[in-house]
């Protein structure tokens, strides 16, 4: 059994063993449910991490890789420079 102490401000520090067991991270929430005998059921509400959302929606179009984008940008810059040279 693991104990924790309530502060005068109503705060509690969750012991590290409990945080590890529940895989709690900053930003996660805890839900307290009481039954008729005032027993408490504790549930964790995990905050979604950005890395968990990656590729969760299907892409509507094909995305180019970085090299293709760099080549297109370089070509566009070259066209602008060439146009400036012709207008002078």
N, C-alpha and C. Protein backbone atom coordinates (compact mmCIF):
# COMPACT_ATOMS: atom_id res chain seq x y z
N UNK A 1 0.84 -1.18 0.00
CA UNK A 1 0.00 0.00 0.00
C UNK A 1 0.89 1.25 0.00
N UNK A 2 0.51 2.23 -0.76
CA UNK A 2 1.29 3.48 -0.88
C UNK A 2 0.45 4.62 -0.32
N UNK A 3 1.08 5.45 0.50
CA UNK A 3 0.38 6.58 1.11
C UNK A 3 0.86 7.89 0.51
N UNK A 4 -0.02 8.90 0.54
CA UNK A 4 0.33 10.26 0.15
C UNK A 4 -0.36 11.19 1.13
N UNK A 5 0.18 12.40 1.27
CA UNK A 5 -0.34 13.35 2.26
C UNK A 5 -0.95 14.56 1.57
N UNK A 6 -2.10 15.00 2.08
CA UNK A 6 -2.80 16.16 1.55
C UNK A 6 -2.26 17.42 2.24
N UNK A 7 -1.94 18.46 1.44
CA UNK A 7 -1.44 19.71 2.03
C UNK A 7 -2.61 20.59 2.47
N UNK A 8 -2.30 21.67 3.17
CA UNK A 8 -3.34 22.60 3.62
C UNK A 8 -4.02 23.30 2.44
N UNK A 9 -3.38 23.29 1.27
CA UNK A 9 -3.95 23.89 0.06
C UNK A 9 -4.79 22.89 -0.74
N UNK A 10 -4.93 21.67 -0.22
CA UNK A 10 -5.71 20.66 -0.92
C UNK A 10 -4.94 19.95 -2.01
N UNK A 11 -3.63 20.05 -2.00
CA UNK A 11 -2.80 19.42 -3.02
C UNK A 11 -2.21 18.13 -2.50
N UNK A 12 -1.91 17.25 -3.42
CA UNK A 12 -1.30 15.97 -3.07
C UNK A 12 -0.19 15.68 -4.07
N UNK A 13 0.89 15.13 -3.60
CA UNK A 13 1.97 14.69 -4.47
C UNK A 13 1.76 13.21 -4.72
N UNK A 14 1.65 12.86 -5.98
CA UNK A 14 1.47 11.45 -6.32
C UNK A 14 2.84 10.78 -6.26
N UNK A 15 2.97 9.77 -5.45
CA UNK A 15 4.27 9.10 -5.31
C UNK A 15 4.79 8.59 -6.65
N UNK A 16 6.10 8.59 -6.78
CA UNK A 16 6.74 8.23 -8.05
C UNK A 16 6.37 6.82 -8.50
N UNK A 17 6.23 5.91 -7.55
CA UNK A 17 5.87 4.53 -7.92
C UNK A 17 4.50 4.50 -8.59
N UNK A 18 3.57 5.33 -8.11
CA UNK A 18 2.23 5.39 -8.70
C UNK A 18 2.29 6.06 -10.07
N UNK A 19 3.07 7.15 -10.18
CA UNK A 19 3.22 7.84 -11.48
C UNK A 19 3.78 6.90 -12.53
N UNK A 20 4.78 6.10 -12.15
CA UNK A 20 5.37 5.14 -13.10
C UNK A 20 4.36 4.05 -13.46
N UNK A 21 3.66 3.52 -12.46
CA UNK A 21 2.70 2.44 -12.70
C UNK A 21 1.58 2.89 -13.64
N UNK A 22 1.11 4.15 -13.47
CA UNK A 22 0.03 4.68 -14.30
C UNK A 22 0.54 5.41 -15.53
N UNK A 23 1.86 5.49 -15.67
CA UNK A 23 2.49 6.21 -16.78
C UNK A 23 1.97 7.64 -16.88
N UNK A 24 1.92 8.33 -15.74
CA UNK A 24 1.43 9.71 -15.69
C UNK A 24 2.50 10.67 -16.15
N UNK A 25 2.08 11.63 -16.95
CA UNK A 25 2.96 12.67 -17.47
C UNK A 25 2.34 14.03 -17.14
N UNK A 26 3.13 15.10 -17.11
CA UNK A 26 2.55 16.43 -16.88
C UNK A 26 1.45 16.71 -17.91
N UNK A 27 0.33 17.23 -17.43
CA UNK A 27 -0.80 17.52 -18.31
C UNK A 27 -1.87 16.44 -18.29
N UNK A 28 -1.53 15.24 -17.82
CA UNK A 28 -2.54 14.19 -17.69
C UNK A 28 -3.51 14.57 -16.56
N UNK A 29 -4.71 14.07 -16.64
CA UNK A 29 -5.72 14.39 -15.63
C UNK A 29 -6.15 13.11 -14.93
N UNK A 30 -6.68 13.29 -13.72
CA UNK A 30 -7.18 12.16 -12.93
C UNK A 30 -8.66 12.37 -12.70
N UNK A 31 -9.43 11.29 -12.83
CA UNK A 31 -10.87 11.33 -12.62
C UNK A 31 -11.18 10.47 -11.40
N UNK A 32 -11.89 11.06 -10.43
CA UNK A 32 -12.26 10.35 -9.21
C UNK A 32 -13.74 9.99 -9.28
N UNK A 33 -14.06 8.71 -9.11
CA UNK A 33 -15.45 8.25 -9.09
C UNK A 33 -15.71 7.61 -7.73
N UNK A 34 -16.83 7.96 -7.12
CA UNK A 34 -17.17 7.44 -5.80
C UNK A 34 -18.33 6.46 -5.92
N UNK A 35 -18.27 5.36 -5.15
CA UNK A 35 -19.42 4.46 -5.09
C UNK A 35 -20.21 4.77 -3.82
N UNK A 36 -21.23 3.97 -3.53
CA UNK A 36 -22.10 4.25 -2.38
C UNK A 36 -21.37 4.18 -1.05
N UNK A 37 -20.32 3.39 -0.99
CA UNK A 37 -19.57 3.23 0.27
C UNK A 37 -18.42 4.23 0.37
N UNK A 38 -18.44 5.28 -0.47
CA UNK A 38 -17.38 6.30 -0.52
C UNK A 38 -16.01 5.73 -0.88
N UNK A 39 -16.01 4.59 -1.55
CA UNK A 39 -14.75 4.09 -2.09
C UNK A 39 -14.49 4.85 -3.38
N UNK A 40 -13.23 5.05 -3.67
CA UNK A 40 -12.87 5.88 -4.82
C UNK A 40 -12.27 5.01 -5.91
N UNK A 41 -12.73 5.24 -7.12
CA UNK A 41 -12.13 4.63 -8.31
C UNK A 41 -11.39 5.75 -9.03
N UNK A 42 -10.14 5.52 -9.32
CA UNK A 42 -9.29 6.52 -9.97
C UNK A 42 -9.06 6.13 -11.42
N UNK A 43 -9.32 7.07 -12.33
CA UNK A 43 -9.08 6.85 -13.75
C UNK A 43 -8.15 7.92 -14.26
N UNK A 44 -7.27 7.55 -15.17
CA UNK A 44 -6.38 8.54 -15.78
C UNK A 44 -6.96 8.97 -17.12
N UNK A 45 -6.82 10.26 -17.41
CA UNK A 45 -7.22 10.81 -18.70
C UNK A 45 -5.93 11.33 -19.33
N UNK A 46 -5.43 10.56 -20.29
CA UNK A 46 -4.14 10.88 -20.90
C UNK A 46 -4.30 12.01 -21.91
N UNK A 47 -3.43 12.99 -21.82
CA UNK A 47 -3.40 14.07 -22.80
C UNK A 47 -2.74 13.55 -24.06
N UNK A 48 -3.33 13.86 -25.20
CA UNK A 48 -2.75 13.41 -26.46
C UNK A 48 -1.46 14.18 -26.74
N UNK A 49 -0.43 13.44 -27.06
CA UNK A 49 0.83 14.04 -27.44
C UNK A 49 0.82 14.27 -28.95
N UNK A 50 1.54 15.27 -29.41
CA UNK A 50 1.57 15.57 -30.84
C UNK A 50 2.06 14.38 -31.65
N UNK A 51 3.03 13.65 -31.11
CA UNK A 51 3.56 12.49 -31.83
C UNK A 51 2.52 11.39 -31.97
N UNK A 52 1.54 11.33 -31.05
CA UNK A 52 0.50 10.32 -31.15
C UNK A 52 -0.49 10.66 -32.26
N UNK A 53 -0.61 11.92 -32.60
CA UNK A 53 -1.57 12.35 -33.61
C UNK A 53 -1.01 12.25 -35.03
N UNK A 54 0.31 12.08 -35.16
CA UNK A 54 0.94 12.01 -36.47
C UNK A 54 0.32 10.90 -37.30
N UNK A 55 -0.09 11.22 -38.50
CA UNK A 55 -0.68 10.29 -39.47
C UNK A 55 -2.01 9.71 -39.01
N UNK A 56 -2.68 10.39 -38.10
CA UNK A 56 -3.98 9.89 -37.64
C UNK A 56 -5.08 10.18 -38.65
N UNK A 57 -4.86 11.14 -39.55
CA UNK A 57 -5.82 11.44 -40.60
C UNK A 57 -5.20 11.12 -41.95
N UNK A 58 -5.99 10.61 -42.87
CA UNK A 58 -5.42 10.31 -44.18
C UNK A 58 -5.07 11.59 -44.94
N UNK A 59 -3.98 11.56 -45.66
CA UNK A 59 -3.55 12.72 -46.46
C UNK A 59 -4.46 12.83 -47.68
N UNK A 60 -4.88 14.04 -47.98
CA UNK A 60 -5.74 14.28 -49.14
C UNK A 60 -4.91 14.41 -50.42
N UNK A 61 -3.64 14.73 -50.24
CA UNK A 61 -2.77 14.86 -51.40
C UNK A 61 -1.37 14.38 -51.04
N UNK A 62 -0.58 14.09 -52.04
CA UNK A 62 0.79 13.63 -51.83
C UNK A 62 1.67 14.83 -51.43
N UNK A 63 2.46 14.66 -50.41
CA UNK A 63 3.38 15.70 -49.99
C UNK A 63 4.78 15.39 -50.50
N UNK A 64 5.42 16.41 -50.98
CA UNK A 64 6.77 16.24 -51.49
C UNK A 64 7.75 16.12 -50.33
N UNK A 65 8.86 15.46 -50.61
CA UNK A 65 9.88 15.41 -49.57
C UNK A 65 10.69 16.70 -49.60
N UNK A 66 11.54 16.88 -48.63
CA UNK A 66 12.29 18.12 -48.47
C UNK A 66 13.16 18.45 -49.68
N UNK A 67 13.76 17.43 -50.25
CA UNK A 67 14.64 17.67 -51.40
C UNK A 67 13.87 18.22 -52.59
N UNK A 68 12.69 17.69 -52.85
CA UNK A 68 11.87 18.19 -53.96
C UNK A 68 11.47 19.64 -53.71
N UNK A 69 11.11 19.96 -52.49
CA UNK A 69 10.73 21.34 -52.16
C UNK A 69 11.92 22.27 -52.35
N UNK A 70 13.09 21.85 -51.88
CA UNK A 70 14.30 22.68 -52.02
C UNK A 70 14.62 22.93 -53.50
N UNK A 71 14.48 21.89 -54.32
CA UNK A 71 14.75 22.04 -55.75
C UNK A 71 13.77 23.02 -56.39
N UNK A 72 12.49 22.92 -56.03
CA UNK A 72 11.50 23.85 -56.58
C UNK A 72 11.76 25.28 -56.15
N UNK A 73 12.13 25.48 -54.90
CA UNK A 73 12.44 26.83 -54.40
C UNK A 73 13.66 27.38 -55.12
N UNK A 74 14.69 26.57 -55.28
CA UNK A 74 15.89 27.01 -55.99
C UNK A 74 15.57 27.38 -57.44
N UNK A 75 14.72 26.59 -58.09
CA UNK A 75 14.33 26.89 -59.46
C UNK A 75 13.53 28.19 -59.54
N UNK A 76 12.63 28.40 -58.59
CA UNK A 76 11.84 29.63 -58.56
C UNK A 76 12.74 30.85 -58.34
N UNK A 77 13.70 30.73 -57.45
CA UNK A 77 14.64 31.84 -57.20
C UNK A 77 15.46 32.11 -58.46
N UNK A 78 15.91 31.06 -59.11
CA UNK A 78 16.68 31.22 -60.34
C UNK A 78 15.85 31.93 -61.42
N UNK A 79 14.57 31.57 -61.55
CA UNK A 79 13.70 32.24 -62.53
C UNK A 79 13.55 33.72 -62.20
N UNK A 80 13.39 34.05 -60.93
CA UNK A 80 13.25 35.47 -60.53
C UNK A 80 14.52 36.24 -60.86
N UNK A 81 15.66 35.63 -60.56
CA UNK A 81 16.94 36.32 -60.83
C UNK A 81 17.10 36.51 -62.34
N UNK A 82 16.74 35.49 -63.12
CA UNK A 82 16.87 35.57 -64.58
C UNK A 82 15.95 36.66 -65.12
N UNK A 83 14.72 36.75 -64.63
CA UNK A 83 13.76 37.78 -65.08
C UNK A 83 14.27 39.18 -64.73
N UNK A 84 14.86 39.34 -63.56
CA UNK A 84 15.39 40.65 -63.16
C UNK A 84 16.54 41.06 -64.08
N UNK A 85 17.35 40.10 -64.44
CA UNK A 85 18.48 40.40 -65.33
C UNK A 85 18.03 40.82 -66.72
N UNK A 86 16.95 40.24 -67.22
CA UNK A 86 16.45 40.57 -68.57
C UNK A 86 15.78 41.93 -68.58
N UNK A 87 15.16 42.34 -67.50
CA UNK A 87 14.42 43.61 -67.48
C UNK A 87 15.34 44.82 -67.35
N UNK A 88 16.59 44.62 -66.99
CA UNK A 88 17.50 45.76 -66.80
C UNK A 88 18.14 46.22 -68.05
